[in-house]
Protein backbone atom coordinates (compact mmCIF):
# COMPACT_ATOMS: atom_id res chain seq x y z
CA UNK A 1 12.22 -4.50 1.40
CA UNK A 2 8.95 -5.67 -0.27
CA UNK A 3 7.62 -6.49 3.56
CA UNK A 4 8.74 -3.05 4.33
CA UNK A 5 6.88 -1.49 1.29
CA UNK A 6 3.82 -3.53 1.79
CA UNK A 7 3.77 -2.17 5.27
CA UNK A 8 4.11 1.54 4.27
CA UNK A 9 1.30 0.86 1.82
CA UNK A 10 -1.00 -0.27 4.67
CA UNK A 11 0.05 2.51 6.57
CA UNK A 12 -0.46 4.98 4.16
CA UNK A 13 -4.05 3.85 3.09
CA UNK A 14 -7.08 5.76 5.34
CA UNK A 15 -8.60 3.00 7.50
CA UNK A 16 -12.12 5.04 6.53
CA UNK A 17 -12.18 2.91 3.26
CA UNK A 18 -11.49 5.74 0.63
CA UNK A 19 -10.20 5.57 -2.36
CA UNK A 20 -6.59 7.27 -2.76
CA UNK A 21 -4.70 7.74 -6.02
CA UNK A 22 -2.04 5.17 -7.07
CA UNK A 23 0.11 7.89 -7.95
CA UNK A 24 -0.29 9.82 -4.50
CA UNK A 25 0.39 6.53 -2.69
CA UNK A 26 3.26 5.93 -4.26
CA UNK A 27 4.52 9.29 -3.74
CA UNK A 28 3.72 8.76 0.25
CA UNK A 29 5.33 5.39 0.37
CA UNK A 30 8.49 6.81 -1.19
CA UNK A 31 8.96 9.58 1.31
CA UNK A 32 8.15 7.48 4.04
CA UNK A 33 10.76 4.88 2.83
CA UNK A 34 13.36 7.88 2.14
CA UNK A 35 12.63 8.94 5.94
CA UNK A 36 13.81 5.47 7.01
CA UNK A 37 17.00 5.76 4.92
CA UNK A 38 15.49 2.52 2.68
CA UNK A 39 15.83 2.67 -1.08
CA UNK A 40 12.64 1.46 -2.86
CA UNK A 41 11.91 0.40 -6.80
CA UNK A 42 9.20 1.12 -8.67
CA UNK A 43 8.86 -2.60 -9.72
CA UNK A 44 8.83 -3.66 -5.85
CA UNK A 45 6.27 -1.05 -5.39
CA UNK A 46 3.96 -2.73 -7.89
CA UNK A 47 4.57 -6.46 -7.12
CA UNK A 48 3.63 -5.25 -3.61
CA UNK A 49 0.23 -3.94 -4.96
CA UNK A 50 -0.56 -6.77 -6.77
CA UNK A 51 0.31 -9.01 -3.90
CA UNK A 52 -1.86 -7.29 -1.31
CA UNK A 53 -4.56 -7.17 -4.03
CA UNK A 54 -4.71 -10.72 -4.48
CA UNK A 55 -4.60 -11.57 -0.79
CA UNK A 56 -7.12 -9.11 -0.63
CA UNK A 57 -5.63 -6.71 1.89
CA UNK A 58 -6.28 -3.84 -0.55
CA UNK A 59 -8.55 -3.23 -3.85
CA UNK A 60 -6.84 -1.99 -6.75
CA UNK A 61 -8.88 -0.20 -9.26
CA UNK A 62 -7.00 0.19 -12.57
CA UNK A 63 -9.42 1.54 -14.63
CA UNK A 64 -9.38 4.47 -12.04
CA UNK A 65 -5.68 4.41 -11.00
CA UNK A 66 -7.23 4.19 -7.31
CA UNK A 67 -6.40 2.13 -4.50
CA UNK A 68 -8.63 1.23 -1.34
CA UNK A 69 -8.30 -0.87 1.71
CA UNK A 70 -10.06 -3.48 2.82
CA UNK A 71 -12.00 -4.11 6.09
CA UNK A 72 -9.97 -7.41 6.01
CA UNK A 73 -6.78 -5.79 5.20
CA UNK A 74 -7.40 -3.27 8.06
CA UNK A 75 -8.05 -6.16 10.49
CA UNK A 76 -4.70 -8.51 9.27
CA UNK A 77 -2.83 -5.51 9.31
CA UNK A 78 -3.91 -4.19 12.98
CA UNK A 79 -3.01 -7.76 14.08
CA UNK A 80 0.55 -7.21 12.85
CA UNK A 81 0.88 -3.92 14.73
């Protein structure tokens, strides 16, 4: 499930490098998971964000509650498609 959530997180972030509100990202990921008939849990979503941030695929700005994809993350995610 964690890998699916990581994939959905990356899919829901704009390639333009614009930041999105963490709450909005979570909402979109939840909708996508529901469309796929998958359950989700907030703790797994948070763990996925932390892991992607530590691997530098994304940048989580906890002060502003925003998430931004990095160029590294865009490149690595494209390699998996």
